[in-house]
């Protein structure tokens, strides 16, 4: 996501849904991998997905805070 570009509200909602989808996907990957492999491998495979979701949520929280304070409103 290009932070220099304006983010409209529908794109913001789409990115939030993507972040929650990534969280769900990380649990699915961990659960299904755990059925066929060790716990450590399941965590190793699901962790990058969960970190990507956490990073996206952190960016969205910053954008929402900037919108609420009026520093950078969402279009």
Protein backbone atom coordinates (compact mmCIF):
# COMPACT_ATOMS: atom_id res chain seq x y z
CA UNK A 1 0.00 0.00 0.00
CA UNK A 2 1.34 3.38 -0.99
CA UNK A 3 0.98 5.53 2.12
CA UNK A 4 1.50 8.69 0.07
CA UNK A 5 -1.68 7.99 -1.87
CA UNK A 6 -5.07 8.91 -0.47
CA UNK A 7 -7.09 6.03 0.93
CA UNK A 8 -10.84 6.18 0.56
CA UNK A 9 -13.21 4.60 3.02
CA UNK A 10 -14.19 1.62 0.86
CA UNK A 11 -10.52 0.75 0.31
CA UNK A 12 -9.94 1.06 4.07
CA UNK A 13 -12.77 -1.39 4.77
CA UNK A 14 -11.43 -3.75 2.12
CA UNK A 15 -7.97 -3.68 3.69
CA UNK A 16 -9.48 -4.33 7.13
CA UNK A 17 -11.36 -7.34 5.77
CA UNK A 18 -8.14 -8.55 4.14
CA UNK A 19 -6.34 -8.28 7.48
CA UNK A 20 -8.99 -10.32 9.28
CA UNK A 21 -8.96 -12.82 6.42
CA UNK A 22 -5.21 -13.21 6.86
CA UNK A 23 -5.68 -13.85 10.58
CA UNK A 24 -8.26 -16.52 9.77
CA UNK A 25 -5.96 -18.02 7.12
CA UNK A 26 -3.08 -18.24 9.59
CA UNK A 27 -5.24 -20.29 11.96
CA UNK A 28 -6.38 -22.54 9.13
CA UNK A 29 -2.78 -23.08 8.01
CA UNK A 30 -1.69 -23.80 11.57
CA UNK A 31 -4.54 -26.24 12.18
CA UNK A 32 -4.25 -28.17 8.94
CA UNK A 33 -0.45 -28.32 9.12
CA UNK A 34 -0.69 -29.57 12.68
CA UNK A 35 -2.68 -32.56 11.41
CA UNK A 36 0.21 -33.77 9.27
CA UNK A 37 3.34 -32.23 10.81
CA UNK A 38 4.80 -31.12 14.11
CA UNK A 39 3.58 -28.16 16.11
CA UNK A 40 6.81 -26.25 15.51
CA UNK A 41 6.45 -26.56 11.74
CA UNK A 42 2.81 -25.48 11.91
CA UNK A 43 3.76 -22.37 13.86
CA UNK A 44 6.64 -21.64 11.49
CA UNK A 45 4.32 -21.79 8.48
CA UNK A 46 1.52 -19.73 9.98
CA UNK A 47 3.60 -17.04 11.70
CA UNK A 48 4.49 -15.01 8.57
CA UNK A 49 0.81 -14.79 7.61
CA UNK A 50 -0.10 -13.64 11.11
CA UNK A 51 2.71 -11.05 11.12
CA UNK A 52 1.52 -9.69 7.77
CA UNK A 53 -1.98 -9.32 9.20
CA UNK A 54 -0.64 -7.60 12.32
CA UNK A 55 1.40 -5.18 10.21
CA UNK A 56 -1.60 -4.36 8.03
CA UNK A 57 -3.76 -3.80 11.12
CA UNK A 58 -1.09 -1.51 12.59
CA UNK A 59 -1.08 0.59 9.41
CA UNK A 60 -4.88 0.74 9.47
CA UNK A 61 -4.89 1.87 13.11
CA UNK A 62 -2.46 4.67 12.25
CA UNK A 63 -4.59 5.73 9.26
CA UNK A 64 -7.75 5.67 11.38
CA UNK A 65 -6.05 7.73 14.10
CA UNK A 66 -4.90 10.28 11.56
CA UNK A 67 -8.45 10.47 10.20
CA UNK A 68 -10.02 10.95 13.62
CA UNK A 69 -7.56 13.66 14.58
CA UNK A 70 -8.05 15.41 11.25
CA UNK A 71 -4.39 15.33 10.30
CA UNK A 72 -5.00 13.16 7.22
CA UNK A 73 -8.67 12.55 6.50
CA UNK A 74 -9.81 9.52 4.52
CA UNK A 75 -11.45 10.51 1.27
